[in-house]
Each structure stands twice: as C-alpha cells, then as structure tokens.
Amino acid sequence: MSTATPILPPTAPPEPVNAGFPDPALIVSYATVLRYIRHRLNAMLHGQLKPWAQEHKFNYARLIEIKKLEEETQAVLLQRLMAHFQFPTELLRIIVHQSRRHFFMFTSLENLARFKAELHLFDNPPFDAPASPNTPN
C-alpha cells in the first residue's frame, strides 16, 4: 500500500517586513519639487502661462501663487503639474518634528534620475559659462 502525500497549492513568498512602506530612495522633498516646478513655469515667456494654463486646465491664479509664494499649500497641484511634465509621483504626508510635511515619491529610479538631471540643468545651465577669450564679440 502506498500513501499519497497531499499536494499543497503554491503559496506566495512571504512579504518583506517593510512591505508597503515608501522606499526612501524614491522620495523628494516638497521644496525640491517646488523649485523644479518654478523653473518650468518661469521658463515660459511673458504671456504664455495664461493660455498654457487654460489649455491644460490649470488654474492660472494658482500657478502665479506657486511662482511667488513660499507657503506649502499647493502639494496636490504640484503633483498634478509633475504628472503633466511626465513625472508621476505619489504624494506623501509625513510628520517631521511634530509638523506635517509633504514629500513626493517617484514611481521609479529612472524617473527620479531624469528629474534630478533636469533640475540640475535648471540650477546649473551649461550655457551660462563665460565666453572663452578666443570667442569673437
């Protein structure tokens, strides 16, 4: 007589202990995203922002506030703008030193690297270098 051993259905591998916790390597501060968005909005020539806002269904007055105000009140709008600029993010609210602060988590390391590269170009434009002495005036 042979006894058959029961075949168990496959089980999913155990989840890591920190499953569901945001990956810190993908998180960027509100201030960094705000700086990037301001660069993008300020790159538009005079008179282009209002038609652009209407075309893409953004509130023009809120965009002007983003360009000028220092308050952390536009996190959801910044997230919408980031998605429009091809950077989908998840908005996080984390308590730091008893105050709620917003952060943005990128969907991939590739998107984060591209974001950082674009921000670096805005902060350090390569065409801002002084002319060489051999360049004719």
Protein backbone atom coordinates (compact mmCIF):
# COMPACT_ATOMS: atom_id res chain seq x y z
CA MET A 1 0.00 0.00 0.00
CA SER A 2 1.29 3.38 -0.89
CA THR A 3 0.15 6.52 0.80
CA ALA A 4 -0.09 9.58 -1.37
CA THR A 5 1.25 12.77 0.03
CA PRO A 6 -1.11 15.65 -0.47
CA ILE A 7 -0.01 18.28 -2.95
CA LEU A 8 -0.29 21.73 -1.48
CA PRO A 9 -1.20 24.68 -3.67
CA PRO A 10 1.66 27.07 -4.35
CA THR A 11 1.93 29.82 -1.81
CA ALA A 12 3.10 33.34 -2.34
CA PRO A 13 6.52 34.14 -0.94
CA PRO A 14 6.41 35.94 2.38
CA GLU A 15 6.31 39.72 2.10
CA PRO A 16 9.29 41.66 3.40
CA VAL A 17 8.88 43.22 6.80
CA ASN A 18 8.65 46.76 5.37
CA ALA A 19 6.14 45.90 2.61
CA GLY A 20 4.04 48.94 1.82
CA PHE A 21 6.49 51.40 3.35
CA PRO A 22 7.73 54.03 0.87
CA ASP A 23 11.22 53.49 -0.50
CA PRO A 24 13.28 56.40 0.89
CA ALA A 25 15.47 56.34 -2.24
CA LEU A 26 12.46 57.47 -4.32
CA ILE A 27 11.35 60.34 -2.07
CA VAL A 28 11.95 64.02 -2.83
CA SER A 29 11.08 66.97 -0.62
CA TYR A 30 8.31 69.47 -1.30
CA ALA A 31 10.91 72.24 -1.61
CA THR A 32 12.80 70.36 -4.34
CA VAL A 33 9.65 69.71 -6.38
CA LEU A 34 8.55 73.32 -5.88
CA ARG A 35 11.93 74.53 -7.18
CA TYR A 36 11.59 72.33 -10.28
CA ILE A 37 8.00 73.47 -10.97
CA ARG A 38 9.03 77.11 -10.59
CA HIS A 39 11.83 76.59 -13.10
CA ARG A 40 9.36 75.05 -15.56
CA LEU A 41 6.76 77.80 -15.09
CA ASN A 42 9.32 80.60 -15.23
CA ALA A 43 10.78 79.15 -18.44
CA MET A 44 7.62 80.22 -20.26
CA LEU A 45 7.86 83.56 -21.98
CA HIS A 46 5.77 86.55 -20.94
CA GLY A 47 2.16 85.96 -21.92
CA GLN A 48 2.49 82.20 -22.43
CA LEU A 49 1.47 80.99 -18.97
CA LYS A 50 -2.21 82.01 -19.08
CA PRO A 51 -3.02 80.31 -22.41
CA TRP A 52 -0.97 77.27 -21.34
CA ALA A 53 -2.92 77.06 -18.07
CA GLN A 54 -6.24 77.29 -19.90
CA GLU A 55 -5.22 74.71 -22.49
CA HIS A 56 -4.13 72.20 -19.83
CA LYS A 57 -6.94 73.04 -17.38
CA PHE A 58 -4.82 74.54 -14.62
CA ASN A 59 -5.97 77.49 -12.54
CA TYR A 60 -3.88 80.45 -13.71
CA ALA A 61 -4.10 82.28 -10.36
CA ARG A 62 -2.83 79.18 -8.52
CA LEU A 63 0.12 78.91 -10.90
CA ILE A 64 1.03 82.52 -10.17
CA GLU A 65 0.84 81.72 -6.44
CA ILE A 66 3.22 78.80 -6.95
CA LYS A 67 5.66 81.10 -8.72
CA LYS A 68 5.62 83.66 -5.91
CA LEU A 69 4.53 82.27 -2.53
CA GLU A 70 6.71 80.32 -0.13
CA GLU A 71 3.86 78.57 1.70
CA GLU A 72 3.42 74.82 1.49
CA THR A 73 -0.18 74.90 0.36
CA GLN A 74 -0.15 73.61 -3.20
CA ALA A 75 1.03 69.99 -2.80
CA VAL A 76 -1.80 68.40 -4.82
CA LEU A 77 -1.42 70.98 -7.60
CA LEU A 78 2.34 70.36 -7.68
CA GLN A 79 1.62 66.65 -8.03
CA ARG A 80 -0.69 67.35 -11.00
CA LEU A 81 1.96 69.54 -12.60
CA MET A 82 4.62 66.87 -12.07
CA ALA A 83 2.39 64.32 -13.81
CA HIS A 84 1.86 66.78 -16.66
CA PHE A 85 5.63 67.15 -17.00
CA GLN A 86 5.91 63.32 -17.27
CA PHE A 87 6.90 62.67 -13.65
CA PRO A 88 4.14 60.65 -11.99
CA THR A 89 4.53 60.79 -8.22
CA GLU A 90 2.71 59.74 -5.11
CA LEU A 91 2.06 62.47 -2.59
CA LEU A 92 3.16 61.59 0.95
CA ARG A 93 2.41 63.45 4.14
CA ILE A 94 4.91 62.62 6.85
CA ILE A 95 5.13 64.08 10.34
CA VAL A 96 8.60 65.53 10.93
CA HIS A 97 9.35 67.18 14.28
CA GLN A 98 5.64 67.46 15.15
CA SER A 99 4.70 69.15 11.89
CA ARG A 100 3.09 67.65 8.80
CA ARG A 101 5.23 67.92 5.71
CA HIS A 102 4.65 66.85 2.14
CA PHE A 103 7.02 64.71 0.11
CA PHE A 104 6.81 63.23 -3.37
CA MET A 105 7.64 59.61 -4.12
CA PHE A 106 8.65 58.80 -7.69
CA THR A 107 7.40 55.66 -9.41
CA SER A 108 10.87 54.51 -10.46
CA LEU A 109 14.55 55.24 -10.02
CA GLU A 110 14.72 56.07 -13.74
CA ASN A 111 12.10 58.83 -13.39
CA LEU A 112 13.86 60.17 -10.31
CA ALA A 113 17.22 60.22 -12.12
CA ARG A 114 15.68 62.07 -15.09
CA PHE A 115 14.02 64.56 -12.70
CA LYS A 116 17.31 65.21 -10.91
CA ALA A 117 19.13 65.63 -14.23
CA GLU A 118 16.58 68.20 -15.45
CA LEU A 119 16.66 70.05 -12.14
CA HIS A 120 20.46 70.10 -12.27
CA LEU A 121 20.32 71.68 -15.73
CA PHE A 122 17.90 74.34 -14.49
CA ASP A 123 20.08 75.06 -11.44
CA ASN A 124 23.37 74.95 -13.39
CA PRO A 125 22.74 75.84 -17.03
CA PRO A 126 25.70 74.81 -19.18
CA PHE A 127 25.21 77.82 -21.44
CA ASP A 128 25.76 80.21 -18.54
CA ALA A 129 29.53 79.74 -18.73
CA PRO A 130 31.59 82.85 -19.51
CA ALA A 131 32.74 83.22 -23.08
CA SER A 132 36.22 82.00 -23.81
CA PRO A 133 38.86 84.64 -24.62
CA ASN A 134 39.05 83.35 -28.22
CA THR A 135 35.33 83.90 -28.86
CA PRO A 136 34.72 86.91 -31.09
CA ASN A 137 32.41 89.56 -29.61
